PDB file of N, CA and C in Angstrom:
ATOM      1  N   MET A   1     -26.676   5.885  -4.107  1.00  0.00           N
ATOM      2  CA  MET A   1     -25.687   5.019  -3.926  1.00  0.00           C
ATOM      3  C   MET A   1     -25.999   4.038  -3.010  1.00  0.00           C
ATOM      4  N   GLN A   2     -25.480   2.856  -3.334  1.00  0.00           N
ATOM      5  CA  GLN A   2     -26.007   1.582  -2.433  1.00  0.00           C
ATOM      6  C   GLN A   2     -25.345   2.081  -0.977  1.00  0.00           C
ATOM      7  N   ASP A   3     -23.784   2.073  -0.999  1.00  0.00           N
ATOM      8  CA  ASP A   3     -23.202   2.370   0.449  1.00  0.00           C
ATOM      9  C   ASP A   3     -22.469   3.437  -0.180  1.00  0.00           C
ATOM     10  N   SER A   4     -22.698   4.692  -0.081  1.00  0.00           N
ATOM     11  CA  SER A   4     -21.910   5.629  -0.913  1.00  0.00           C
ATOM     12  C   SER A   4     -20.329   5.701  -0.462  1.00  0.00           C
ATOM     13  N   ALA A   5     -20.195   5.103   0.827  1.00  0.00           N
ATOM     14  CA  ALA A   5     -18.779   4.865   0.936  1.00  0.00           C
ATOM     15  C   ALA A   5     -17.916   3.652   0.018  1.00  0.00           C
ATOM     16  N   ILE A   6     -18.681   3.146  -0.617  1.00  0.00           N
ATOM     17  CA  ILE A   6     -18.061   1.638  -1.104  1.00  0.00           C
ATOM     18  C   ILE A   6     -18.492   1.749  -2.848  1.00  0.00           C
ATOM     19  N   LEU A   7     -19.502   1.653  -3.047  1.00  0.00           N
ATOM     20  CA  LEU A   7     -19.661   1.572  -4.574  1.00  0.00           C
ATOM     21  C   LEU A   7     -20.371   2.988  -5.040  1.00  0.00           C
ATOM     22  N   ASP A   8     -20.411   2.895  -6.326  1.00  0.00           N
ATOM     23  CA  ASP A   8     -21.237   3.891  -6.748  1.00  0.00           C
ATOM     24  C   ASP A   8     -22.026   3.240  -7.729  1.00  0.00           C
ATOM     25  N   ASP A   9     -23.293   3.283  -7.409  1.00  0.00           N
ATOM     26  CA  ASP A   9     -24.301   2.599  -7.827  1.00  0.00           C
ATOM     27  C   ASP A   9     -24.613   2.613  -9.551  1.00  0.00           C
ATOM     28  N   GLU A  10     -24.415   3.888 -10.061  1.00  0.00           N
ATOM     29  CA  GLU A  10     -24.746   4.186 -11.191  1.00  0.00           C
ATOM     30  C   GLU A  10     -23.803   3.411 -12.111  1.00  0.00           C
ATOM     31  N   VAL A  11     -22.203   3.751 -11.752  1.00  0.00           N
ATOM     32  CA  VAL A  11     -21.349   2.780 -12.467  1.00  0.00           C
ATOM     33  C   VAL A  11     -21.750   1.285 -12.508  1.00  0.00           C
ATOM     34  N   VAL A  12     -21.913   0.895 -11.379  1.00  0.00           N
ATOM     35  CA  VAL A  12     -22.107  -0.694 -11.162  1.00  0.00           C
ATOM     36  C   VAL A  12     -23.292  -0.969 -12.067  1.00  0.00           C
ATOM     37  N   THR A  13     -24.311  -0.324 -12.086  1.00  0.00           N
ATOM     38  CA  THR A  13     -25.675  -0.533 -12.729  1.00  0.00           C
ATOM     39  C   THR A  13     -25.182  -0.346 -14.451  1.00  0.00           C
ATOM     40  N   GLU A  14     -24.661   0.701 -14.632  1.00  0.00           N
ATOM     41  CA  GLU A  14     -24.062   0.569 -16.215  1.00  0.00           C
ATOM     42  C   GLU A  14     -23.397  -0.476 -16.399  1.00  0.00           C
ATOM     43  N   LEU A  15     -22.198  -0.992 -15.809  1.00  0.00           N
ATOM     44  CA  LEU A  15     -21.480  -1.937 -15.882  1.00  0.00           C
ATOM     45  C   LEU A  15     -22.235  -3.268 -16.232  1.00  0.00           C
ATOM     46  N   GLN A  16     -23.121  -3.524 -15.185  1.00  0.00           N
ATOM     47  CA  GLN A  16     -24.297  -4.864 -15.521  1.00  0.00           C
ATOM     48  C   GLN A  16     -24.839  -4.522 -16.710  1.00  0.00           C
ATOM     49  N   ASP A  17     -25.280  -3.653 -17.028  1.00  0.00           N
ATOM     50  CA  ASP A  17     -26.115  -3.649 -18.287  1.00  0.00           C
ATOM     51  C   ASP A  17     -25.160  -3.887 -19.456  1.00  0.00           C
ATOM     52  N   VAL A  18     -23.916  -3.165 -19.575  1.00  0.00           N
ATOM     53  CA  VAL A  18     -23.005  -3.404 -20.757  1.00  0.00           C
ATOM     54  C   VAL A  18     -22.548  -4.835 -20.524  1.00  0.00           C
ATOM     55  N   MET A  19     -22.036  -5.418 -19.664  1.00  0.00           N
ATOM     56  CA  MET A  19     -21.434  -6.706 -19.530  1.00  0.00           C
ATOM     57  C   MET A  19     -22.349  -7.893 -19.257  1.00  0.00           C
ATOM     58  N   GLY A  20     -23.777  -7.775 -18.963  1.00  0.00           N
ATOM     59  CA  GLY A  20     -24.793  -8.831 -18.877  1.00  0.00           C
ATOM     60  C   GLY A  20     -24.167  -9.776 -18.010  1.00  0.00           C
ATOM     61  N   GLN A  21     -24.280 -11.200 -18.832  1.00  0.00           N
ATOM     62  CA  GLN A  21     -23.969 -12.396 -17.758  1.00  0.00           C
ATOM     63  C   GLN A  21     -22.301 -12.300 -17.636  1.00  0.00           C
ATOM     64  N   ASP A  22     -21.258 -11.493 -18.240  1.00  0.00           N
ATOM     65  CA  ASP A  22     -19.942 -11.615 -17.841  1.00  0.00           C
ATOM     66  C   ASP A  22     -19.713 -10.634 -16.758  1.00  0.00           C
ATOM     67  N   PHE A  23     -20.844  -9.999 -15.939  1.00  0.00           N
ATOM     68  CA  PHE A  23     -20.433  -9.262 -14.920  1.00  0.00           C
ATOM     69  C   PHE A  23     -19.728  -9.775 -13.839  1.00  0.00           C
ATOM     70  N   PRO A  24     -20.090 -11.292 -13.584  1.00  0.00           N
ATOM     71  CA  PRO A  24     -19.381 -11.824 -12.424  1.00  0.00           C
ATOM     72  C   PRO A  24     -17.908 -12.127 -12.913  1.00  0.00           C
ATOM     73  N   MET A  25     -17.621 -12.052 -14.030  1.00  0.00           N
ATOM     74  CA  MET A  25     -16.178 -12.756 -14.741  1.00  0.00           C
ATOM     75  C   MET A  25     -15.282 -11.133 -14.299  1.00  0.00           C
ATOM     76  N   LEU A  26     -16.162 -10.105 -14.844  1.00  0.00           N
ATOM     77  CA  LEU A  26     -15.488  -8.581 -14.524  1.00  0.00           C
ATOM     78  C   LEU A  26     -15.207  -8.707 -13.016  1.00  0.00           C
ATOM     79  N   VAL A  27     -15.917  -8.958 -12.167  1.00  0.00           N
ATOM     80  CA  VAL A  27     -15.667  -8.777 -10.664  1.00  0.00           C
ATOM     81  C   VAL A  27     -14.362  -9.602 -10.072  1.00  0.00           C
ATOM     82  N   GLY A  28     -14.620 -10.885 -10.713  1.00  0.00           N
ATOM     83  CA  GLY A  28     -13.461 -12.017 -10.450  1.00  0.00           C
ATOM     84  C   GLY A  28     -12.300 -11.274 -10.877  1.00  0.00           C
ATOM     85  N   SER A  29     -12.232 -10.712 -12.097  1.00  0.00           N
ATOM     86  CA  SER A  29     -11.160 -10.313 -12.530  1.00  0.00           C
ATOM     87  C   SER A  29     -10.544  -9.185 -11.922  1.00  0.00           C
ATOM     88  N   PHE A  30     -11.240  -8.260 -11.426  1.00  0.00           N
ATOM     89  CA  PHE A  30     -11.081  -7.139 -10.376  1.00  0.00           C
ATOM     90  C   PHE A  30     -10.109  -7.436  -9.128  1.00  0.00           C
ATOM     91  N   HIS A  31     -10.974  -8.687  -8.533  1.00  0.00           N
ATOM     92  CA  HIS A  31     -10.750  -9.415  -7.419  1.00  0.00           C
ATOM     93  C   HIS A  31      -8.869  -9.892  -7.698  1.00  0.00           C
ATOM     94  N   ARG A  32      -8.812 -10.453  -8.369  1.00  0.00           N
ATOM     95  CA  ARG A  32      -7.590 -11.059  -8.949  1.00  0.00           C
ATOM     96  C   ARG A  32      -6.271  -9.833  -9.078  1.00  0.00           C
ATOM     97  N   ASP A  33      -6.719  -8.745  -9.827  1.00  0.00           N
ATOM     98  CA  ASP A  33      -5.850  -7.736 -10.414  1.00  0.00           C
ATOM     99  C   ASP A  33      -5.586  -6.917  -9.163  1.00  0.00           C
ATOM    100  N   GLY A  34      -6.565  -6.901  -8.287  1.00  0.00           N
ATOM    101  CA  GLY A  34      -6.468  -5.816  -6.960  1.00  0.00           C
ATOM    102  C   GLY A  34      -5.688  -6.612  -5.771  1.00  0.00           C
ATOM    103  N   GLU A  35      -5.872  -8.053  -5.957  1.00  0.00           N
ATOM    104  CA  GLU A  35      -5.004  -8.631  -4.822  1.00  0.00           C
ATOM    105  C   GLU A  35      -3.376  -8.341  -5.382  1.00  0.00           C
ATOM    106  N   GLN A  36      -3.050  -8.896  -6.770  1.00  0.00           N
ATOM    107  CA  GLN A  36      -1.790  -8.410  -7.256  1.00  0.00           C
ATOM    108  C   GLN A  36      -1.234  -7.053  -6.741  1.00  0.00           C
ATOM    109  N   ARG A  37      -2.281  -6.116  -7.043  1.00  0.00           N
ATOM    110  CA  ARG A  37      -1.486  -4.712  -7.025  1.00  0.00           C
ATOM    111  C   ARG A  37      -1.651  -4.403  -5.440  1.00  0.00           C
ATOM    112  N   LEU A  38      -2.262  -5.011  -4.509  1.00  0.00           N
ATOM    113  CA  LEU A  38      -1.860  -4.743  -3.191  1.00  0.00           C
ATOM    114  C   LEU A  38      -0.593  -5.507  -2.935  1.00  0.00           C
ATOM    115  N   GLN A  39      -0.288  -6.252  -3.256  1.00  0.00           N
ATOM    116  CA  GLN A  39       1.127  -7.171  -3.067  1.00  0.00           C
ATOM    117  C   GLN A  39       2.053  -6.191  -3.645  1.00  0.00           C
ATOM    118  N   ALA A  40       1.891  -5.756  -4.936  1.00  0.00           N
ATOM    119  CA  ALA A  40       2.943  -5.049  -5.536  1.00  0.00           C
ATOM    120  C   ALA A  40       3.018  -3.737  -4.709  1.00  0.00           C
ATOM    121  N   LEU A  41       2.005  -2.998  -4.152  1.00  0.00           N
ATOM    122  CA  LEU A  41       1.897  -1.785  -3.268  1.00  0.00           C
ATOM    123  C   LEU A  41       2.779  -1.992  -2.050  1.00  0.00           C
ATOM    124  N   GLU A  42       2.581  -3.080  -1.345  1.00  0.00           N
ATOM    125  CA  GLU A  42       3.058  -3.436  -0.238  1.00  0.00           C
ATOM    126  C   GLU A  42       4.623  -3.788  -0.315  1.00  0.00           C
ATOM    127  N   ALA A  43       4.977  -4.346  -1.469  1.00  0.00           N
ATOM    128  CA  ALA A  43       6.333  -4.694  -1.708  1.00  0.00           C
ATOM    129  C   ALA A  43       7.021  -3.475  -2.019  1.00  0.00           C
ATOM    130  N   ALA A  44       6.628  -2.536  -2.610  1.00  0.00           N
ATOM    131  CA  ALA A  44       7.233  -1.138  -3.196  1.00  0.00           C
ATOM    132  C   ALA A  44       7.188  -0.428  -1.949  1.00  0.00           C
ATOM    133  N   TYR A  45       6.203  -0.581  -0.875  1.00  0.00           N
ATOM    134  CA  TYR A  45       6.303   0.415   0.143  1.00  0.00           C
ATOM    135  C   TYR A  45       7.561  -0.167   1.069  1.00  0.00           C
ATOM    136  N   THR A  46       7.640  -1.418   1.315  1.00  0.00           N
ATOM    137  CA  THR A  46       8.739  -2.161   2.203  1.00  0.00           C
ATOM    138  C   THR A  46      10.103  -1.769   1.385  1.00  0.00           C
ATOM    139  N   ALA A  47      10.472  -1.747   0.188  1.00  0.00           N
ATOM    140  CA  ALA A  47      11.422  -1.382  -0.398  1.00  0.00           C
ATOM    141  C   ALA A  47      11.752  -0.007  -0.704  1.00  0.00           C
ATOM    142  N   GLY A  48      10.831   0.845  -0.120  1.00  0.00           N
ATOM    143  CA  GLY A  48      10.965   2.265  -0.407  1.00  0.00           C
ATOM    144  C   GLY A  48      11.006   2.847  -1.817  1.00  0.00           C
ATOM    145  N   ASP A  49      10.215   2.006  -2.612  1.00  0.00           N
ATOM    146  CA  ASP A  49      10.140   2.425  -4.128  1.00  0.00           C
ATOM    147  C   ASP A  49       8.992   3.275  -4.332  1.00  0.00           C
ATOM    148  N   LYS A  50       9.484   4.490  -4.321  1.00  0.00           N
ATOM    149  CA  LYS A  50       8.168   5.464  -4.298  1.00  0.00           C
ATOM    150  C   LYS A  50       7.771   5.412  -6.000  1.00  0.00           C
ATOM    151  N   GLU A  51       8.751   5.230  -6.896  1.00  0.00           N
ATOM    152  CA  GLU A  51       8.107   5.446  -8.211  1.00  0.00           C
ATOM    153  C   GLU A  51       6.865   4.179  -8.367  1.00  0.00           C
ATOM    154  N   THR A  52       7.370   3.057  -8.076  1.00  0.00           N
ATOM    155  CA  THR A  52       6.579   1.909  -8.299  1.00  0.00           C
ATOM    156  C   THR A  52       5.343   2.203  -7.511  1.00  0.00           C
ATOM    157  N   LEU A  53       5.438   2.379  -6.170  1.00  0.00           N
ATOM    158  CA  LEU A  53       4.193   2.585  -5.346  1.00  0.00           C
ATOM    159  C   LEU A  53       3.233   3.670  -5.978  1.00  0.00           C
ATOM    160  N   CYS A  54       3.889   4.749  -6.743  1.00  0.00           N
ATOM    161  CA  CYS A  54       3.024   5.753  -7.290  1.00  0.00           C
ATOM    162  C   CYS A  54       2.453   5.145  -8.529  1.00  0.00           C
ATOM    163  N   ARG A  55       3.043   4.593  -9.505  1.00  0.00           N
ATOM    164  CA  ARG A  55       2.552   3.678 -10.541  1.00  0.00           C
ATOM    165  C   ARG A  55       1.623   2.547 -10.092  1.00  0.00           C
ATOM    166  N   GLN A  56       1.677   1.928  -9.193  1.00  0.00           N
ATOM    167  CA  GLN A  56       0.731   1.078  -9.003  1.00  0.00           C
ATOM    168  C   GLN A  56      -0.491   1.696  -8.211  1.00  0.00           C
ATOM    169  N   ALA A  57      -0.388   2.663  -7.533  1.00  0.00           N
ATOM    170  CA  ALA A  57      -1.298   3.366  -6.978  1.00  0.00           C
ATOM    171  C   ALA A  57      -2.181   3.833  -7.917  1.00  0.00           C
ATOM    172  N   HIS A  58      -1.706   4.496  -9.103  1.00  0.00           N
ATOM    173  CA  HIS A  58      -2.370   5.266 -10.431  1.00  0.00           C
ATOM    174  C   HIS A  58      -3.090   4.177 -11.065  1.00  0.00           C
ATOM    175  N   SER A  59      -2.511   2.898 -11.583  1.00  0.00           N
ATOM    176  CA  SER A  59      -3.235   1.868 -11.957  1.00  0.00           C
ATOM    177  C   SER A  59      -4.458   1.395 -11.352  1.00  0.00           C
ATOM    178  N   PHE A  60      -4.067   1.084  -9.980  1.00  0.00           N
ATOM    179  CA  PHE A  60      -5.330   0.484  -9.093  1.00  0.00           C
ATOM    180  C   PHE A  60      -6.446   1.708  -8.970  1.00  0.00           C
ATOM    181  N   LYS A  61      -6.221   2.783  -8.998  1.00  0.00           N
ATOM    182  CA  LYS A  61      -7.290   3.809  -8.988  1.00  0.00           C
ATOM    183  C   LYS A  61      -7.919   3.820 -10.123  1.00  0.00           C
ATOM    184  N   GLY A  62      -7.358   3.739 -11.282  1.00  0.00           N
ATOM    185  CA  GLY A  62      -8.088   3.454 -12.669  1.00  0.00           C
ATOM    186  C   GLY A  62      -9.131   2.225 -12.608  1.00  0.00           C
ATOM    187  N   SER A  63      -8.222   1.157 -12.250  1.00  0.00           N
ATOM    188  CA  SER A  63      -9.170   0.075 -12.173  1.00  0.00           C
ATOM    189  C   SER A  63     -10.490   0.060 -11.504  1.00  0.00           C
ATOM    190  N   SER A  64     -10.371   0.701 -10.023  1.00  0.00           N
ATOM    191  CA  SER A  64     -11.178   0.855  -9.130  1.00  0.00           C
ATOM    192  C   SER A  64     -12.330   1.838  -9.578  1.00  0.00           C
ATOM    193  N   GLY A  65     -11.682   2.915 -10.107  1.00  0.00           N
ATOM    194  CA  GLY A  65     -12.744   4.112 -10.707  1.00  0.00           C
ATOM    195  C   GLY A  65     -13.691   3.377 -11.777  1.00  0.00           C
ATOM    196  N   ASN A  66     -12.984   2.470 -12.652  1.00  0.00           N
ATOM    197  CA  ASN A  66     -13.855   1.935 -14.036  1.00  0.00           C
ATOM    198  C   ASN A  66     -15.040   0.951 -13.262  1.00  0.00           C
ATOM    199  N   LEU A  67     -14.646   0.387 -12.083  1.00  0.00           N
ATOM    200  CA  LEU A  67     -15.569  -0.776 -11.401  1.00  0.00           C
ATOM    201  C   LEU A  67     -16.532  -0.021 -10.319  1.00  0.00           C
ATOM    202  N   GLY A  68     -16.444   1.487 -10.248  1.00  0.00           N
ATOM    203  CA  GLY A  68     -17.152   2.143  -9.160  1.00  0.00           C
ATOM    204  C   GLY A  68     -16.847   1.921  -7.790  1.00  0.00           C
ATOM    205  N   ALA A  69     -15.673   1.314  -7.476  1.00  0.00           N
ATOM    206  CA  ALA A  69     -15.196   1.230  -6.121  1.00  0.00           C
ATOM    207  C   ALA A  69     -14.591   2.519  -5.543  1.00  0.00           C
ATOM    208  N   VAL A  70     -15.653   3.387  -5.266  1.00  0.00           N
ATOM    209  CA  VAL A  70     -15.145   4.832  -5.033  1.00  0.00           C
ATOM    210  C   VAL A  70     -13.993   4.951  -3.858  1.00  0.00           C
ATOM    211  N   ARG A  71     -14.366   3.988  -2.617  1.00  0.00           N
ATOM    212  CA  ARG A  71     -13.442   4.346  -1.552  1.00  0.00           C
ATOM    213  C   ARG A  71     -11.947   3.889  -1.819  1.00  0.00           C
ATOM    214  N   VAL A  72     -11.850   2.427  -2.688  1.00  0.00           N
ATOM    215  CA  VAL A  72     -10.763   2.175  -2.884  1.00  0.00           C
ATOM    216  C   VAL A  72      -9.871   3.339  -4.212  1.00  0.00           C
ATOM    217  N   PHE A  73     -10.988   3.768  -4.711  1.00  0.00           N
ATOM    218  CA  PHE A  73     -10.514   4.841  -5.745  1.00  0.00           C
ATOM    219  C   PHE A  73      -9.683   6.118  -4.870  1.00  0.00           C
ATOM    220  N   ASP A  74     -10.553   6.476  -3.922  1.00  0.00           N
ATOM    221  CA  ASP A  74     -10.219   7.720  -2.898  1.00  0.00           C
ATOM    222  C   ASP A  74      -8.956   7.383  -2.396  1.00  0.00           C
ATOM    223  N   LEU A  75      -8.771   6.224  -1.687  1.00  0.00           N
ATOM    224  CA  LEU A  75      -7.479   5.739  -1.042  1.00  0.00           C
ATOM    225  C   LEU A  75      -6.231   5.775  -2.056  1.00  0.00           C
ATOM    226  N   CYS A  76      -6.563   5.120  -3.195  1.00  0.00           N
ATOM    227  CA  CYS A  76      -5.503   5.058  -4.067  1.00  0.00           C
ATOM    228  C   CYS A  76      -4.913   6.555  -4.446  1.00  0.00           C
ATOM    229  N   MET A  77      -5.862   7.292  -4.940  1.00  0.00           N
ATOM    230  CA  MET A  77      -5.283   8.853  -5.285  1.00  0.00           C
ATOM    231  C   MET A  77      -4.652   9.414  -3.898  1.00  0.00           C
ATOM    232  N   GLN A  78      -4.871   9.076  -2.524  1.00  0.00           N
ATOM    233  CA  GLN A  78      -4.189   9.759  -1.428  1.00  0.00           C
ATOM    234  C   GLN A  78      -2.673   8.913  -1.547  1.00  0.00           C
ATOM    235  N   LEU A  79      -2.947   7.563  -1.898  1.00  0.00           N
ATOM    236  CA  LEU A  79      -1.472   6.659  -1.950  1.00  0.00           C
ATOM    237  C   LEU A  79      -0.549   7.145  -3.008  1.00  0.00           C
ATOM    238  N   GLU A  80      -1.280   7.672  -4.074  1.00  0.00           N
ATOM    239  CA  GLU A  80      -0.462   8.018  -5.225  1.00  0.00           C
ATOM    240  C   GLU A  80       0.206   9.360  -5.303  1.00  0.00           C
ATOM    241  N   SER A  81      -0.525  10.207  -4.486  1.00  0.00           N
ATOM    242  CA  SER A  81      -0.165  11.760  -3.895  1.00  0.00           C
ATOM    243  C   SER A  81       1.015  11.549  -2.833  1.00  0.00           C
ATOM    244  N   LEU A  82       0.657  10.937  -1.966  1.00  0.00           N
ATOM    245  CA  LEU A  82       1.966  10.686  -1.076  1.00  0.00           C
ATOM    246  C   LEU A  82       3.451  10.241  -1.832  1.00  0.00           C
ATOM    247  N   ALA A  83       2.918   9.271  -2.600  1.00  0.00           N
ATOM    248  CA  ALA A  83       4.026   8.629  -2.926  1.00  0.00           C
ATOM    249  C   ALA A  83       4.929   9.617  -3.855  1.00  0.00           C
ATOM    250  N   ARG A  84       4.424  10.164  -4.662  1.00  0.00           N
ATOM    251  CA  ARG A  84       4.762  11.172  -5.585  1.00  0.00           C
ATOM    252  C   ARG A  84       5.379  12.333  -5.116  1.00  0.00           C
ATOM    253  N   GLU A  85       5.012  12.605  -3.804  1.00  0.00           N
ATOM    254  CA  GLU A  85       5.566  13.639  -2.928  1.00  0.00           C
ATOM    255  C   GLU A  85       6.533  13.062  -1.975  1.00  0.00           C
ATOM    256  N   GLY A  86       6.862  11.911  -1.978  1.00  0.00           N
ATOM    257  CA  GLY A  86       7.826  11.419  -1.070  1.00  0.00           C
ATOM    258  C   GLY A  86       7.530  10.974   0.294  1.00  0.00           C
ATOM    259  N   GLU A  87       6.219  11.121   0.666  1.00  0.00           N
ATOM    260  CA  GLU A  87       5.666  11.054   1.986  1.00  0.00           C
ATOM    261  C   GLU A  87       5.291   9.791   2.618  1.00  0.00           C
ATOM    262  N   LEU A  88       6.311   8.928   2.808  1.00  0.00           N
ATOM    263  CA  LEU A  88       5.757   7.581   2.941  1.00  0.00           C
ATOM    264  C   LEU A  88       5.422   7.167   4.406  1.00  0.00           C
ATOM    265  N   GLY A  89       5.531   8.242   5.219  1.00  0.00           N
ATOM    266  CA  GLY A  89       5.279   8.025   6.720  1.00  0.00           C
ATOM    267  C   GLY A  89       3.921   7.550   7.059  1.00  0.00           C
ATOM    268  N   GLN A  90       3.016   7.987   6.260  1.00  0.00           N
ATOM    269  CA  GLN A  90       1.274   7.400   6.548  1.00  0.00           C
ATOM    270  C   GLN A  90       1.044   6.670   5.628  1.00  0.00           C
ATOM    271  N   VAL A  91       2.061   5.887   4.818  1.00  0.00           N
ATOM    272  CA  VAL A  91       1.485   4.844   4.047  1.00  0.00           C
ATOM    273  C   VAL A  91       1.195   3.447   4.365  1.00  0.00           C
ATOM    274  N   SER A  92       1.861   3.210   5.596  1.00  0.00           N
ATOM    275  CA  SER A  92       1.452   1.846   5.916  1.00  0.00           C
ATOM    276  C   SER A  92      -0.015   1.725   6.359  1.00  0.00           C
ATOM    277  N   ASP A  93      -0.561   2.903   7.190  1.00  0.00           N
ATOM    278  CA  ASP A  93      -1.866   2.947   7.498  1.00  0.00           C
ATOM    279  C   ASP A  93      -2.775   3.103   6.419  1.00  0.00           C
ATOM    280  N   LEU A  94      -2.467   3.814   5.333  1.00  0.00           N
ATOM    281  CA  LEU A  94      -3.096   3.881   4.100  1.00  0.00           C
ATOM    282  C   LEU A  94      -3.431   2.558   3.423  1.00  0.00           C
ATOM    283  N   LEU A  95      -2.246   1.574   3.306  1.00  0.00           N
ATOM    284  CA  LEU A  95      -2.320   0.376   2.732  1.00  0.00           C
ATOM    285  C   LEU A  95      -3.378  -0.384   3.668  1.00  0.00           C
ATOM    286  N   ALA A  96      -3.299  -0.488   4.882  1.00  0.00           N
ATOM    287  CA  ALA A  96      -4.051  -1.067   5.648  1.00  0.00           C
ATOM    288  C   ALA A  96      -5.536  -0.510   5.302  1.00  0.00           C
ATOM    289  N   ARG A  97      -5.826   0.608   5.282  1.00  0.00           N
ATOM    290  CA  ARG A  97      -7.258   1.113   5.102  1.00  0.00           C
ATOM    291  C   ARG A  97      -7.504   0.645   3.612  1.00  0.00           C
ATOM    292  N   LEU A  98      -6.706   0.507   2.705  1.00  0.00           N
ATOM    293  CA  LEU A  98      -6.962   0.284   0.866  1.00  0.00           C
ATOM    294  C   LEU A  98      -7.135  -1.273   1.152  1.00  0.00           C
ATOM    295  N   ARG A  99      -6.662  -2.116   1.723  1.00  0.00           N
ATOM    296  CA  ARG A  99      -6.735  -3.637   2.007  1.00  0.00           C
ATOM    297  C   ARG A  99      -8.437  -3.587   2.397  1.00  0.00           C
ATOM    298  N   ASP A 100      -8.678  -3.055   3.486  1.00  0.00           N
ATOM    299  CA  ASP A 100      -9.939  -3.219   3.894  1.00  0.00           C
ATOM    300  C   ASP A 100     -11.361  -2.761   3.161  1.00  0.00           C
ATOM    301  N   ALA A 101     -10.938  -1.780   2.341  1.00  0.00           N
ATOM    302  CA  ALA A 101     -11.806  -0.927   1.610  1.00  0.00           C
ATOM    303  C   ALA A 101     -11.905  -2.076   0.210  1.00  0.00           C
ATOM    304  N   PHE A 102     -10.841  -2.488  -0.254  1.00  0.00           N
ATOM    305  CA  PHE A 102     -10.771  -3.325  -1.414  1.00  0.00           C
ATOM    306  C   PHE A 102     -11.713  -4.741  -0.979  1.00  0.00           C
ATOM    307  N   ASP A 103     -11.219  -5.347   0.028  1.00  0.00           N
ATOM    308  CA  ASP A 103     -12.301  -6.470   0.730  1.00  0.00           C
ATOM    309  C   ASP A 103     -13.666  -6.058   0.724  1.00  0.00           C
ATOM    310  N   GLN A 104     -14.078  -4.994   1.131  1.00  0.00           N
ATOM    311  CA  GLN A 104     -15.446  -4.678   1.035  1.00  0.00           C
ATOM    312  C   GLN A 104     -16.111  -4.563  -0.132  1.00  0.00           C
ATOM    313  N   ALA A 105     -15.170  -3.751  -1.056  1.00  0.00           N
ATOM    314  CA  ALA A 105     -15.704  -3.480  -2.344  1.00  0.00           C
ATOM    315  C   ALA A 105     -16.113  -5.027  -3.295  1.00  0.00           C
ATOM    316  N   CYS A 106     -14.974  -5.794  -2.987  1.00  0.00           N
ATOM    317  CA  CYS A 106     -15.099  -6.950  -3.723  1.00  0.00           C
ATOM    318  C   CYS A 106     -16.459  -7.971  -3.022  1.00  0.00           C
ATOM    319  N   ASP A 107     -16.903  -7.872  -1.855  1.00  0.00           N
ATOM    320  CA  ASP A 107     -18.075  -8.293  -1.008  1.00  0.00           C
ATOM    321  C   ASP A 107     -19.183  -7.957  -1.757  1.00  0.00           C
ATOM    322  N   ALA A 108     -19.227  -6.501  -1.810  1.00  0.00           N
ATOM    323  CA  ALA A 108     -20.282  -5.726  -1.977  1.00  0.00           C
ATOM    324  C   ALA A 108     -20.586  -6.011  -3.788  1.00  0.00           C
ATOM    325  N   LEU A 109     -19.556  -6.218  -4.630  1.00  0.00           N
ATOM    326  CA  LEU A 109     -19.785  -6.405  -6.097  1.00  0.00           C
ATOM    327  C   LEU A 109     -20.185  -8.030  -6.027  1.00  0.00           C
ATOM    328  N   ARG A 110     -19.807  -8.832  -5.378  1.00  0.00           N
ATOM    329  CA  ARG A 110     -20.154  -9.998  -5.445  1.00  0.00           C
ATOM    330  C   ARG A 110     -21.384 -10.493  -5.084  1.00  0.00           C
ATOM    331  N   GLN A 111     -22.192  -9.533  -4.286  1.00  0.00           N
ATOM    332  CA  GLN A 111     -23.378  -9.748  -3.568  1.00  0.00           C
ATOM    333  C   GLN A 111     -24.398  -8.991  -4.644  1.00  0.00           C
ATOM    334  N   ILE A 112     -23.997  -8.257  -5.496  1.00  0.00           N
ATOM    335  CA  ILE A 112     -25.035  -7.972  -6.705  1.00  0.00           C
ATOM    336  C   ILE A 112     -25.654  -8.709  -7.778  1.00  0.00           C
TER     337      ILE A 112
END
């Protein structure tokens, strides 16, 4: 793995092979979608909307897993679990870490 904490090289390489010249478009789409999901997660947290928080974290987990963004995937999994259990006390810290991981994953994907 490139940086085991950020991307899964095997997933990224496979996507590059499949997508070819469209890979940068996929990365751009992931970035736009991720920005929207982060905003939705933050809004749901602020509103105390556990159901939306759980649903958004689940969707973000799927898209980041598909792209090999393993740190984002792991944080989304934790966020989804906390939201499902109604444990919102740690969510603020998790959202900050998720934002950081997402930015790092997007940077790493753009450099490929």
